[in-house]
Amino acid sequence: MSIGVKEARSCFSSLLDQVEKGKEVVIRRRGKEVARMIPPPGQEKHLPSLKDFRAGISVNGESLSRTVIRDRREERY
């Protein structure tokens, strides 16, 4: 989220709420970044690596392609 200095002054409390939720807020003056509000260390919400995410997925039952082919055959008859 990016916001101008004047607007940041008027809604500072709501900006803190956003940062508390894990979002980053960039404050700009005349279009240039002058400050960045980030959550304290340890509160960042990181996504797992794609490798770890894929390793945690298990597929059970028939594959989707086989299910679709079987259902199409059954619809014909």
Protein backbone atom coordinates (compact mmCIF):
# COMPACT_ATOMS: atom_id res chain seq x y z
CA MET A 1 0.00 0.00 0.00
CA SER A 2 1.32 3.45 -0.89
CA ILE A 3 0.06 6.70 0.60
CA GLY A 4 0.97 10.38 0.63
CA VAL A 5 2.30 12.15 3.74
CA LYS A 6 -0.76 14.36 4.18
CA GLU A 7 -3.16 11.44 3.97
CA ALA A 8 -0.92 9.34 6.27
CA ARG A 9 -1.16 11.99 8.97
CA SER A 10 -4.94 11.96 8.87
CA CYS A 11 -5.30 8.17 9.06
CA PHE A 12 -2.23 7.06 11.00
CA SER A 13 -4.21 4.79 13.32
CA SER A 14 -5.76 2.84 10.44
CA LEU A 15 -2.31 2.54 8.83
CA LEU A 16 -1.03 0.96 12.04
CA ASP A 17 -3.94 -1.48 11.91
CA GLN A 18 -2.91 -2.48 8.38
CA VAL A 19 0.70 -2.99 9.43
CA GLU A 20 -0.46 -5.02 12.42
CA LYS A 21 -2.27 -7.33 9.98
CA GLY A 22 1.04 -7.96 8.19
CA LYS A 23 0.79 -5.42 5.38
CA GLU A 24 3.54 -3.01 4.38
CA VAL A 25 2.78 0.71 4.02
CA VAL A 26 4.93 3.04 1.90
CA ILE A 27 4.71 6.77 2.64
CA ARG A 28 5.51 9.14 -0.22
CA ARG A 29 6.24 12.85 -0.39
CA ARG A 30 5.86 14.42 -3.83
CA GLY A 31 5.93 10.96 -5.37
CA LYS A 32 9.18 9.86 -3.70
CA GLU A 33 9.28 7.16 -1.05
CA VAL A 34 10.30 8.70 2.28
CA ALA A 35 9.24 6.01 4.78
CA ARG A 36 8.12 2.42 5.02
CA MET A 37 6.06 0.90 7.82
CA ILE A 38 6.53 -2.86 8.21
CA PRO A 39 5.48 -5.37 10.87
CA PRO A 40 8.08 -6.11 13.57
CA PRO A 41 10.32 -9.14 13.02
CA GLY A 42 8.57 -12.42 13.71
CA GLN A 43 5.13 -11.13 12.73
CA GLU A 44 5.56 -11.34 8.97
CA LYS A 45 3.23 -13.74 7.28
CA HIS A 46 5.33 -15.71 4.81
CA LEU A 47 3.96 -18.23 2.40
CA PRO A 48 5.65 -21.62 2.41
CA SER A 49 8.07 -22.30 -0.41
CA LEU A 50 6.47 -23.83 -3.48
CA LYS A 51 8.56 -26.96 -3.00
CA ASP A 52 7.30 -27.41 0.58
CA PHE A 53 3.73 -26.65 -0.50
CA ARG A 54 3.83 -29.28 -3.25
CA ALA A 55 5.40 -31.82 -0.88
CA GLY A 56 2.46 -31.34 1.50
CA ILE A 57 -0.17 -32.16 -1.13
CA SER A 58 -1.34 -35.74 -1.47
CA VAL A 59 -3.64 -36.94 -4.23
CA ASN A 60 -6.14 -39.64 -3.39
CA GLY A 61 -8.41 -41.60 -5.66
CA GLU A 62 -8.76 -41.54 -9.43
CA SER A 63 -7.12 -38.81 -11.47
CA LEU A 64 -9.36 -36.01 -12.68
CA SER A 65 -8.75 -36.80 -16.35
CA ARG A 66 -9.83 -40.42 -15.87
CA THR A 67 -12.93 -39.32 -13.96
CA VAL A 68 -13.95 -36.92 -16.75
CA ILE A 69 -13.38 -39.54 -19.47
CA ARG A 70 -15.39 -42.12 -17.52
CA ASP A 71 -18.26 -39.68 -16.92
CA ARG A 72 -18.37 -38.70 -20.59
CA ARG A 73 -18.59 -42.35 -21.62
CA GLU A 74 -21.41 -42.95 -19.16
CA GLU A 75 -23.35 -39.94 -20.50
CA ARG A 76 -23.31 -41.34 -24.04
CA TYR A 77 -24.99 -44.59 -23.07
